[in-house]
């Protein structure tokens, strides 16, 4: 299993909402593919690392999902305040 990817911070002002959503969906697809790679369960330590990496991937996917929902609900990035 590959290590979780790290991404630079996106600034929604740099991209239009459709481009931002497309980029986030592409990231989610790559992370989902990584989750289906065979895990390394050869030792207890490798298993623990695999669990941590899967947890980080799930956190990243959930974060991207929340960002997509926010862009969908407020495409201009005005916020709710």
N, C-alpha and C. Protein backbone atom coordinates (compact mmCIF):
# COMPACT_ATOMS: atom_id res chain seq x y z
N UNK A 1 0.85 -1.18 0.00
CA UNK A 1 0.00 0.00 0.00
C UNK A 1 0.88 1.23 0.00
N UNK A 2 0.55 2.18 -0.84
CA UNK A 2 1.31 3.43 -0.93
C UNK A 2 0.95 4.36 0.22
N UNK A 3 1.89 5.23 0.53
CA UNK A 3 1.64 6.23 1.58
C UNK A 3 0.58 7.21 1.10
N UNK A 4 -0.17 7.80 2.03
CA UNK A 4 -1.17 8.80 1.63
C UNK A 4 -0.50 9.96 0.91
N UNK A 5 -1.21 10.51 -0.03
CA UNK A 5 -0.69 11.64 -0.78
C UNK A 5 -0.88 12.92 0.03
N UNK A 6 0.05 13.83 -0.15
CA UNK A 6 -0.12 15.14 0.46
C UNK A 6 -0.36 16.13 -0.67
N UNK A 7 -1.24 17.05 -0.45
CA UNK A 7 -1.64 18.00 -1.48
C UNK A 7 -1.38 19.41 -1.00
N UNK A 8 -1.07 20.26 -1.94
CA UNK A 8 -0.98 21.67 -1.64
C UNK A 8 -2.38 22.21 -1.36
N UNK A 9 -2.45 23.24 -0.58
CA UNK A 9 -3.74 23.83 -0.26
C UNK A 9 -4.31 24.54 -1.48
N UNK A 10 -5.56 24.25 -1.75
CA UNK A 10 -6.23 24.92 -2.86
C UNK A 10 -6.89 26.19 -2.36
N UNK A 11 -6.82 27.20 -3.16
CA UNK A 11 -7.51 28.44 -2.86
C UNK A 11 -8.65 28.55 -3.86
N UNK A 12 -9.90 28.55 -3.38
CA UNK A 12 -11.04 28.55 -4.28
C UNK A 12 -11.07 29.80 -5.16
N UNK A 13 -10.34 30.83 -4.80
CA UNK A 13 -10.31 32.03 -5.66
C UNK A 13 -9.45 31.79 -6.90
N UNK A 14 -8.57 30.77 -6.85
CA UNK A 14 -7.69 30.47 -7.98
C UNK A 14 -8.40 29.70 -9.07
N UNK A 15 -9.48 29.00 -8.74
CA UNK A 15 -10.18 28.16 -9.71
C UNK A 15 -11.65 28.50 -9.71
N UNK A 16 -12.28 28.32 -10.85
CA UNK A 16 -13.73 28.45 -10.83
C UNK A 16 -14.30 27.22 -10.13
N UNK A 17 -15.51 27.28 -9.60
CA UNK A 17 -16.06 26.17 -8.81
C UNK A 17 -16.08 24.84 -9.55
N UNK A 18 -16.39 24.85 -10.84
CA UNK A 18 -16.43 23.59 -11.59
C UNK A 18 -15.05 22.95 -11.68
N UNK A 19 -14.02 23.74 -11.90
CA UNK A 19 -12.66 23.22 -11.96
C UNK A 19 -12.22 22.70 -10.60
N UNK A 20 -12.60 23.42 -9.56
CA UNK A 20 -12.25 23.00 -8.20
C UNK A 20 -12.90 21.65 -7.88
N UNK A 21 -14.18 21.48 -8.21
CA UNK A 21 -14.88 20.22 -7.97
C UNK A 21 -14.25 19.11 -8.79
N UNK A 22 -13.92 19.37 -10.04
CA UNK A 22 -13.31 18.34 -10.89
C UNK A 22 -11.98 17.88 -10.29
N UNK A 23 -11.18 18.82 -9.79
CA UNK A 23 -9.90 18.47 -9.17
C UNK A 23 -10.11 17.64 -7.91
N UNK A 24 -11.06 18.04 -7.07
CA UNK A 24 -11.33 17.29 -5.85
C UNK A 24 -11.84 15.88 -6.17
N UNK A 25 -12.69 15.75 -7.18
CA UNK A 25 -13.18 14.42 -7.56
C UNK A 25 -12.05 13.54 -8.08
N UNK A 26 -11.12 14.11 -8.81
CA UNK A 26 -9.97 13.35 -9.30
C UNK A 26 -9.12 12.87 -8.12
N UNK A 27 -8.92 13.72 -7.14
CA UNK A 27 -8.16 13.32 -5.94
C UNK A 27 -8.87 12.20 -5.20
N UNK A 28 -10.18 12.32 -5.06
CA UNK A 28 -10.95 11.28 -4.37
C UNK A 28 -10.83 9.95 -5.11
N UNK A 29 -10.88 9.98 -6.42
CA UNK A 29 -10.77 8.75 -7.21
C UNK A 29 -9.42 8.09 -7.01
N UNK A 30 -8.34 8.89 -7.00
CA UNK A 30 -7.01 8.32 -6.77
C UNK A 30 -6.91 7.72 -5.37
N UNK A 31 -7.46 8.41 -4.37
CA UNK A 31 -7.40 7.89 -3.01
C UNK A 31 -8.24 6.62 -2.86
N UNK A 32 -9.38 6.56 -3.52
CA UNK A 32 -10.19 5.34 -3.47
C UNK A 32 -9.45 4.18 -4.13
N UNK A 33 -8.76 4.44 -5.24
CA UNK A 33 -7.96 3.40 -5.87
C UNK A 33 -6.88 2.89 -4.92
N UNK A 34 -6.24 3.80 -4.19
CA UNK A 34 -5.19 3.42 -3.25
C UNK A 34 -5.74 2.54 -2.13
N UNK A 35 -6.98 2.78 -1.75
CA UNK A 35 -7.57 2.00 -0.66
C UNK A 35 -7.79 0.54 -1.06
N UNK A 36 -7.89 0.28 -2.35
CA UNK A 36 -8.15 -1.08 -2.82
C UNK A 36 -6.88 -1.84 -3.18
N UNK A 37 -5.71 -1.22 -2.97
CA UNK A 37 -4.46 -1.94 -3.15
C UNK A 37 -4.33 -2.96 -2.03
N UNK A 38 -3.69 -4.09 -2.30
CA UNK A 38 -3.55 -5.09 -1.24
C UNK A 38 -2.78 -4.52 -0.05
N UNK A 39 -3.32 -4.64 1.15
CA UNK A 39 -2.63 -4.11 2.33
C UNK A 39 -1.46 -5.00 2.73
N UNK A 40 -0.49 -4.39 3.39
CA UNK A 40 0.65 -5.12 3.91
C UNK A 40 0.31 -5.58 5.32
N UNK A 41 0.04 -6.87 5.47
CA UNK A 41 -0.32 -7.43 6.77
C UNK A 41 0.73 -8.43 7.24
N UNK A 42 1.97 -8.27 6.76
CA UNK A 42 3.01 -9.25 7.04
C UNK A 42 3.46 -9.24 8.50
N UNK A 43 3.40 -8.10 9.16
CA UNK A 43 3.80 -8.00 10.56
C UNK A 43 2.79 -7.11 11.28
N UNK A 44 2.76 -7.20 12.61
CA UNK A 44 1.86 -6.29 13.34
C UNK A 44 2.16 -4.81 13.07
N UNK A 45 3.43 -4.47 12.92
CA UNK A 45 3.80 -3.07 12.66
C UNK A 45 3.31 -2.63 11.29
N UNK A 46 3.48 -3.49 10.28
CA UNK A 46 3.02 -3.16 8.93
C UNK A 46 1.50 -3.03 8.91
N UNK A 47 0.82 -3.88 9.64
CA UNK A 47 -0.64 -3.82 9.72
C UNK A 47 -1.07 -2.51 10.36
N UNK A 48 -0.38 -2.11 11.42
CA UNK A 48 -0.71 -0.84 12.10
C UNK A 48 -0.50 0.34 11.15
N UNK A 49 0.62 0.34 10.39
CA UNK A 49 0.87 1.41 9.42
C UNK A 49 -0.22 1.45 8.37
N UNK A 50 -0.65 0.27 7.91
CA UNK A 50 -1.70 0.19 6.91
C UNK A 50 -3.00 0.79 7.43
N UNK A 51 -3.33 0.48 8.68
CA UNK A 51 -4.55 1.02 9.28
C UNK A 51 -4.48 2.54 9.38
N UNK A 52 -3.34 3.06 9.79
CA UNK A 52 -3.16 4.51 9.90
C UNK A 52 -3.27 5.16 8.52
N UNK A 53 -2.65 4.56 7.50
CA UNK A 53 -2.72 5.14 6.16
C UNK A 53 -4.15 5.11 5.62
N UNK A 54 -4.89 4.04 5.88
CA UNK A 54 -6.29 3.98 5.44
C UNK A 54 -7.12 5.03 6.16
N UNK A 55 -6.86 5.23 7.43
CA UNK A 55 -7.58 6.25 8.18
C UNK A 55 -7.31 7.65 7.61
N UNK A 56 -6.05 7.92 7.27
CA UNK A 56 -5.70 9.21 6.66
C UNK A 56 -6.37 9.38 5.30
N UNK A 57 -6.42 8.30 4.51
CA UNK A 57 -7.08 8.38 3.22
C UNK A 57 -8.56 8.67 3.39
N UNK A 58 -9.20 8.01 4.35
CA UNK A 58 -10.62 8.27 4.60
C UNK A 58 -10.86 9.70 5.04
N UNK A 59 -9.98 10.23 5.89
CA UNK A 59 -10.09 11.63 6.32
C UNK A 59 -9.97 12.58 5.13
N UNK A 60 -9.04 12.29 4.23
CA UNK A 60 -8.85 13.13 3.05
C UNK A 60 -10.08 13.09 2.15
N UNK A 61 -10.61 11.89 1.94
CA UNK A 61 -11.79 11.75 1.10
C UNK A 61 -12.98 12.50 1.72
N UNK A 62 -13.15 12.38 3.03
CA UNK A 62 -14.26 13.07 3.69
C UNK A 62 -14.08 14.59 3.60
N UNK A 63 -12.86 15.06 3.76
CA UNK A 63 -12.59 16.49 3.65
C UNK A 63 -12.92 16.99 2.24
N UNK A 64 -12.49 16.23 1.22
CA UNK A 64 -12.79 16.61 -0.16
C UNK A 64 -14.29 16.60 -0.40
N UNK A 65 -14.98 15.62 0.16
CA UNK A 65 -16.44 15.54 0.01
C UNK A 65 -17.11 16.78 0.62
N UNK A 66 -16.67 17.18 1.80
CA UNK A 66 -17.23 18.38 2.44
C UNK A 66 -16.95 19.63 1.62
N UNK A 67 -15.76 19.71 1.02
CA UNK A 67 -15.43 20.86 0.19
C UNK A 67 -16.33 20.90 -1.04
N UNK A 68 -16.60 19.76 -1.64
CA UNK A 68 -17.48 19.70 -2.81
C UNK A 68 -18.89 20.13 -2.42
N UNK A 69 -19.38 19.66 -1.27
CA UNK A 69 -20.71 20.06 -0.82
C UNK A 69 -20.77 21.56 -0.59
N UNK A 70 -19.73 22.13 0.00
CA UNK A 70 -19.71 23.57 0.25
C UNK A 70 -19.71 24.34 -1.06
N UNK A 71 -18.94 23.89 -2.03
CA UNK A 71 -18.92 24.56 -3.33
C UNK A 71 -20.25 24.42 -4.04
N UNK A 72 -20.89 23.28 -3.86
CA UNK A 72 -22.19 23.06 -4.51
C UNK A 72 -23.25 24.00 -3.89
N UNK A 73 -23.20 24.15 -2.58
CA UNK A 73 -24.19 24.98 -1.89
C UNK A 73 -23.90 26.47 -1.99
N UNK A 74 -22.64 26.83 -2.15
CA UNK A 74 -22.25 28.25 -2.22
C UNK A 74 -21.15 28.40 -3.28
N UNK A 75 -21.51 28.31 -4.55
CA UNK A 75 -20.49 28.30 -5.61
C UNK A 75 -19.65 29.57 -5.70
N UNK A 76 -20.10 30.66 -5.14
CA UNK A 76 -19.32 31.90 -5.18
C UNK A 76 -18.39 32.04 -3.99
N UNK A 77 -18.47 31.10 -3.03
CA UNK A 77 -17.59 31.14 -1.86
C UNK A 77 -17.89 32.28 -0.91
N UNK A 78 -19.15 32.68 -0.84
CA UNK A 78 -19.51 33.83 0.00
C UNK A 78 -19.56 33.49 1.49
N UNK A 79 -19.72 32.21 1.83
CA UNK A 79 -19.83 31.84 3.24
C UNK A 79 -21.26 32.01 3.72
N UNK A 80 -21.52 31.61 4.95
CA UNK A 80 -22.87 31.68 5.49
C UNK A 80 -23.07 32.83 6.46
N UNK A 81 -21.99 33.56 6.77
CA UNK A 81 -22.10 34.64 7.75
C UNK A 81 -22.66 35.88 7.13
